[in-house]
């Protein structure tokens, strides 16, 4: 569906304005759909992102600031997200042996289990919500990378 129809706007000032509005609207669309996917697991998209970052560490500890640097949404509060995941038993916080001021974060077995449970659903969700051919998806990825320059 065209962005003009979605937001009930007849025309845009220029194509640059339209693409920015279109990207913002599409981001909101994806976050809403993702939130519904993760809700039965008691997770937010941001918490899921933290858990994927931790899984990528393959058991090696990582600091909260390093998690923050790798997050998709840089405005997220990584400390708060880690605390919520800790309360659910999906991560552990440990004092760094070489620097007591530093706190290391590691994903737990139950955190990995939740990610494994979600893997097929996320894959199916991504394919269904993107609504493009594989070739178009590759092209869009290239354009978005170029867009961020």
C-alpha atoms as a PDB file:
ATOM      1  CA  UNK A   1       0.000   0.000   0.000  1.00  0.00           C
ATOM      2  CA  UNK A   2       1.267   3.488  -0.865  1.00  0.00           C
ATOM      3  CA  UNK A   3       2.467   5.730   1.959  1.00  0.00           C
ATOM      4  CA  UNK A   4       0.056   8.456   0.783  1.00  0.00           C
ATOM      5  CA  UNK A   5      -2.873   6.095   1.407  1.00  0.00           C
ATOM      6  CA  UNK A   6      -1.498   4.876   4.743  1.00  0.00           C
ATOM      7  CA  UNK A   7      -1.144   8.347   6.248  1.00  0.00           C
ATOM      8  CA  UNK A   8      -3.937   9.947   4.207  1.00  0.00           C
ATOM      9  CA  UNK A   9      -1.757  12.572   2.557  1.00  0.00           C
ATOM     10  CA  UNK A  10      -2.338  13.567  -1.046  1.00  0.00           C
ATOM     11  CA  UNK A  11       1.206  14.560  -1.981  1.00  0.00           C
ATOM     12  CA  UNK A  12       4.666  15.224  -0.589  1.00  0.00           C
ATOM     13  CA  UNK A  13       6.781  18.347  -0.988  1.00  0.00           C
ATOM     14  CA  UNK A  14       9.441  16.329  -2.807  1.00  0.00           C
ATOM     15  CA  UNK A  15      10.644  12.722  -3.155  1.00  0.00           C
ATOM     16  CA  UNK A  16      13.259  13.224  -0.421  1.00  0.00           C
ATOM     17  CA  UNK A  17      10.607  14.205   2.096  1.00  0.00           C
ATOM     18  CA  UNK A  18       8.526  11.228   0.992  1.00  0.00           C
ATOM     19  CA  UNK A  19      11.362   8.721   1.450  1.00  0.00           C
ATOM     20  CA  UNK A  20      12.106   9.958   4.979  1.00  0.00           C
ATOM     21  CA  UNK A  21       8.431   9.764   5.987  1.00  0.00           C
ATOM     22  CA  UNK A  22       8.155   6.378   4.279  1.00  0.00           C
ATOM     23  CA  UNK A  23      11.169   5.006   6.194  1.00  0.00           C
ATOM     24  CA  UNK A  24       9.895   6.334   9.531  1.00  0.00           C
ATOM     25  CA  UNK A  25       6.441   4.877   8.905  1.00  0.00           C
ATOM     26  CA  UNK A  26       7.907   1.542   7.803  1.00  0.00           C
ATOM     27  CA  UNK A  27      10.117   1.391  10.906  1.00  0.00           C
ATOM     28  CA  UNK A  28       7.069   1.883  13.118  1.00  0.00           C
ATOM     29  CA  UNK A  29       5.203  -0.792  11.138  1.00  0.00           C
ATOM     30  CA  UNK A  30       8.007  -3.331  11.675  1.00  0.00           C
ATOM     31  CA  UNK A  31       8.419  -2.551  15.376  1.00  0.00           C
ATOM     32  CA  UNK A  32       4.675  -2.992  15.960  1.00  0.00           C
ATOM     33  CA  UNK A  33       4.659  -6.339  14.132  1.00  0.00           C
ATOM     34  CA  UNK A  34       7.852  -7.506  15.895  1.00  0.00           C
ATOM     35  CA  UNK A  35       6.465  -6.553  19.291  1.00  0.00           C
ATOM     36  CA  UNK A  36       3.477  -8.815  18.674  1.00  0.00           C
ATOM     37  CA  UNK A  37       5.815 -11.670  17.705  1.00  0.00           C
ATOM     38  CA  UNK A  38       7.925 -11.369  20.887  1.00  0.00           C
ATOM     39  CA  UNK A  39       5.102 -10.558  23.346  1.00  0.00           C
ATOM     40  CA  UNK A  40       4.155 -14.212  24.071  1.00  0.00           C
ATOM     41  CA  UNK A  41       7.772 -14.738  25.172  1.00  0.00           C
ATOM     42  CA  UNK A  42       7.711 -11.686  27.446  1.00  0.00           C
ATOM     43  CA  UNK A  43      10.327  -9.923  25.318  1.00  0.00           C
ATOM     44  CA  UNK A  44      10.546  -6.576  23.572  1.00  0.00           C
ATOM     45  CA  UNK A  45      12.351  -6.183  20.232  1.00  0.00           C
ATOM     46  CA  UNK A  46      15.153  -4.379  22.103  1.00  0.00           C
ATOM     47  CA  UNK A  47      15.533  -7.230  24.620  1.00  0.00           C
ATOM     48  CA  UNK A  48      15.640  -9.695  21.722  1.00  0.00           C
ATOM     49  CA  UNK A  49      18.385  -7.577  20.117  1.00  0.00           C
ATOM     50  CA  UNK A  50      20.441  -7.701  23.346  1.00  0.00           C
ATOM     51  CA  UNK A  51      20.047 -11.482  23.542  1.00  0.00           C
ATOM     52  CA  UNK A  52      21.185 -11.899  19.916  1.00  0.00           C
ATOM     53  CA  UNK A  53      24.245  -9.745  20.617  1.00  0.00           C
ATOM     54  CA  UNK A  54      25.052 -11.931  23.621  1.00  0.00           C
ATOM     55  CA  UNK A  55      24.558 -15.148  21.647  1.00  0.00           C
ATOM     56  CA  UNK A  56      27.007 -13.800  19.066  1.00  0.00           C
ATOM     57  CA  UNK A  57      29.628 -13.617  21.825  1.00  0.00           C
ATOM     58  CA  UNK A  58      29.609 -17.451  21.966  1.00  0.00           C
ATOM     59  CA  UNK A  59      29.898 -17.549  25.742  1.00  0.00           C
ATOM     60  CA  UNK A  60      32.467 -14.758  26.047  1.00  0.00           C
ATOM     61  CA  UNK A  61      31.443 -11.952  28.432  1.00  0.00           C
ATOM     62  CA  UNK A  62      30.675  -8.461  27.127  1.00  0.00           C
ATOM     63  CA  UNK A  63      30.182  -5.129  28.864  1.00  0.00           C
ATOM     64  CA  UNK A  64      26.947  -3.146  28.860  1.00  0.00           C
ATOM     65  CA  UNK A  65      28.654  -0.327  26.939  1.00  0.00           C
ATOM     66  CA  UNK A  66      29.760  -2.792  24.235  1.00  0.00           C
ATOM     67  CA  UNK A  67      26.173  -4.071  24.021  1.00  0.00           C
ATOM     68  CA  UNK A  68      24.970  -0.462  23.660  1.00  0.00           C
ATOM     69  CA  UNK A  69      27.454   0.140  20.823  1.00  0.00           C
ATOM     70  CA  UNK A  70      26.101  -2.853  18.885  1.00  0.00           C
ATOM     71  CA  UNK A  71      22.395  -2.238  19.397  1.00  0.00           C
ATOM     72  CA  UNK A  72      20.133  -1.453  16.454  1.00  0.00           C
ATOM     73  CA  UNK A  73      18.354   1.274  18.415  1.00  0.00           C
ATOM     74  CA  UNK A  74      21.109   3.458  19.878  1.00  0.00           C
ATOM     75  CA  UNK A  75      18.535   5.243  22.044  1.00  0.00           C
ATOM     76  CA  UNK A  76      17.794   2.061  24.004  1.00  0.00           C
ATOM     77  CA  UNK A  77      18.904   1.898  27.622  1.00  0.00           C
ATOM     78  CA  UNK A  78      21.111  -1.210  27.551  1.00  0.00           C
ATOM     79  CA  UNK A  79      21.548  -1.261  31.360  1.00  0.00           C
ATOM     80  CA  UNK A  80      17.789  -1.380  31.914  1.00  0.00           C
ATOM     81  CA  UNK A  81      17.322  -4.021  29.206  1.00  0.00           C
ATOM     82  CA  UNK A  82      20.068  -6.203  30.728  1.00  0.00           C
ATOM     83  CA  UNK A  83      18.477  -5.862  34.180  1.00  0.00           C
ATOM     84  CA  UNK A  84      15.082  -6.983  32.851  1.00  0.00           C
ATOM     85  CA  UNK A  85      16.701  -9.958  31.082  1.00  0.00           C
ATOM     86  CA  UNK A  86      18.564 -10.816  34.304  1.00  0.00           C
ATOM     87  CA  UNK A  87      15.276 -10.834  36.237  1.00  0.00           C
ATOM     88  CA  UNK A  88      13.899 -13.313  33.670  1.00  0.00           C
ATOM     89  CA  UNK A  89      16.967 -15.535  34.047  1.00  0.00           C
ATOM     90  CA  UNK A  90      18.157 -14.996  30.462  1.00  0.00           C
ATOM     91  CA  UNK A  91      21.454 -13.265  31.319  1.00  0.00           C
ATOM     92  CA  UNK A  92      23.893 -13.075  34.215  1.00  0.00           C
ATOM     93  CA  UNK A  93      25.923 -10.096  35.365  1.00  0.00           C
ATOM     94  CA  UNK A  94      29.367 -10.806  36.737  1.00  0.00           C
ATOM     95  CA  UNK A  95      32.049  -8.527  38.147  1.00  0.00           C
ATOM     96  CA  UNK A  96      35.034  -8.466  35.819  1.00  0.00           C
ATOM     97  CA  UNK A  97      37.996 -10.170  37.543  1.00  0.00           C
ATOM     98  CA  UNK A  98      40.561  -7.748  36.053  1.00  0.00           C
ATOM     99  CA  UNK A  99      38.533  -4.527  36.614  1.00  0.00           C
ATOM    100  CA  UNK A 100      36.041  -4.450  39.502  1.00  0.00           C
ATOM    101  CA  UNK A 101      34.303  -1.373  38.057  1.00  0.00           C
ATOM    102  CA  UNK A 102      33.405  -3.303  34.914  1.00  0.00           C
ATOM    103  CA  UNK A 103      30.417  -5.643  34.786  1.00  0.00           C
ATOM    104  CA  UNK A 104      30.419  -8.510  32.298  1.00  0.00           C
ATOM    105  CA  UNK A 105      27.201  -9.867  30.791  1.00  0.00           C
ATOM    106  CA  UNK A 106      26.722 -13.445  29.543  1.00  0.00           C
ATOM    107  CA  UNK A 107      23.621 -15.144  28.122  1.00  0.00           C
ATOM    108  CA  UNK A 108      22.315 -18.127  30.082  1.00  0.00           C
ATOM    109  CA  UNK A 109      21.205 -21.536  28.807  1.00  0.00           C
ATOM    110  CA  UNK A 110      17.566 -20.474  29.221  1.00  0.00           C
ATOM    111  CA  UNK A 111      18.288 -17.309  27.212  1.00  0.00           C
ATOM    112  CA  UNK A 112      19.762 -19.424  24.426  1.00  0.00           C
ATOM    113  CA  UNK A 113      16.746 -21.735  24.643  1.00  0.00           C
ATOM    114  CA  UNK A 114      14.337 -18.826  24.123  1.00  0.00           C
ATOM    115  CA  UNK A 115      16.344 -17.655  21.095  1.00  0.00           C
ATOM    116  CA  UNK A 116      16.244 -21.180  19.664  1.00  0.00           C
ATOM    117  CA  UNK A 117      12.468 -21.321  20.205  1.00  0.00           C
ATOM    118  CA  UNK A 118      12.069 -17.999  18.396  1.00  0.00           C
ATOM    119  CA  UNK A 119      14.411 -18.742  15.479  1.00  0.00           C
ATOM    120  CA  UNK A 120      11.888 -20.335  13.101  1.00  0.00           C
ATOM    121  CA  UNK A 121       9.179 -17.807  13.959  1.00  0.00           C
ATOM    122  CA  UNK A 122      11.533 -14.882  13.322  1.00  0.00           C
ATOM    123  CA  UNK A 123      12.655 -16.371   9.994  1.00  0.00           C
ATOM    124  CA  UNK A 124       9.048 -16.902   8.873  1.00  0.00           C
ATOM    125  CA  UNK A 125       8.067 -13.452  10.143  1.00  0.00           C
ATOM    126  CA  UNK A 126      10.898 -11.770   8.215  1.00  0.00           C
ATOM    127  CA  UNK A 127       9.984 -13.543   4.965  1.00  0.00           C
ATOM    128  CA  UNK A 128       6.278 -12.765   5.321  1.00  0.00           C
ATOM    129  CA  UNK A 129       6.580  -9.128   6.353  1.00  0.00           C
ATOM    130  CA  UNK A 130       9.203  -8.062   3.801  1.00  0.00           C
ATOM    131  CA  UNK A 131       6.893  -8.779   0.862  1.00  0.00           C
ATOM    132  CA  UNK A 132       9.697  -8.664  -1.747  1.00  0.00           C
ATOM    133  CA  UNK A 133      11.442 -11.235  -3.899  1.00  0.00           C
ATOM    134  CA  UNK A 134      14.909 -12.331  -2.823  1.00  0.00           C
ATOM    135  CA  UNK A 135      16.426 -10.265  -5.648  1.00  0.00           C
ATOM    136  CA  UNK A 136      14.443  -7.180  -4.606  1.00  0.00           C
ATOM    137  CA  UNK A 137      15.461  -7.771  -0.975  1.00  0.00           C
ATOM    138  CA  UNK A 138      19.151  -7.856  -1.948  1.00  0.00           C
ATOM    139  CA  UNK A 139      18.689  -4.660  -3.955  1.00  0.00           C
ATOM    140  CA  UNK A 140      16.873  -2.949  -1.072  1.00  0.00           C
ATOM    141  CA  UNK A 141      19.673  -3.918   1.323  1.00  0.00           C
ATOM    142  CA  UNK A 142      22.216  -2.398  -1.061  1.00  0.00           C
ATOM    143  CA  UNK A 143      20.161   0.794  -1.397  1.00  0.00           C
ATOM    144  CA  UNK A 144      19.725   1.127   2.373  1.00  0.00           C
ATOM    145  CA  UNK A 145      23.479   0.657   2.904  1.00  0.00           C
ATOM    146  CA  UNK A 146      24.088   3.355   0.277  1.00  0.00           C
ATOM    147  CA  UNK A 147      21.413   5.553   1.867  1.00  0.00           C
ATOM    148  CA  UNK A 148      23.327   5.627   5.168  1.00  0.00           C
ATOM    149  CA  UNK A 149      26.443   6.434   3.113  1.00  0.00           C
END
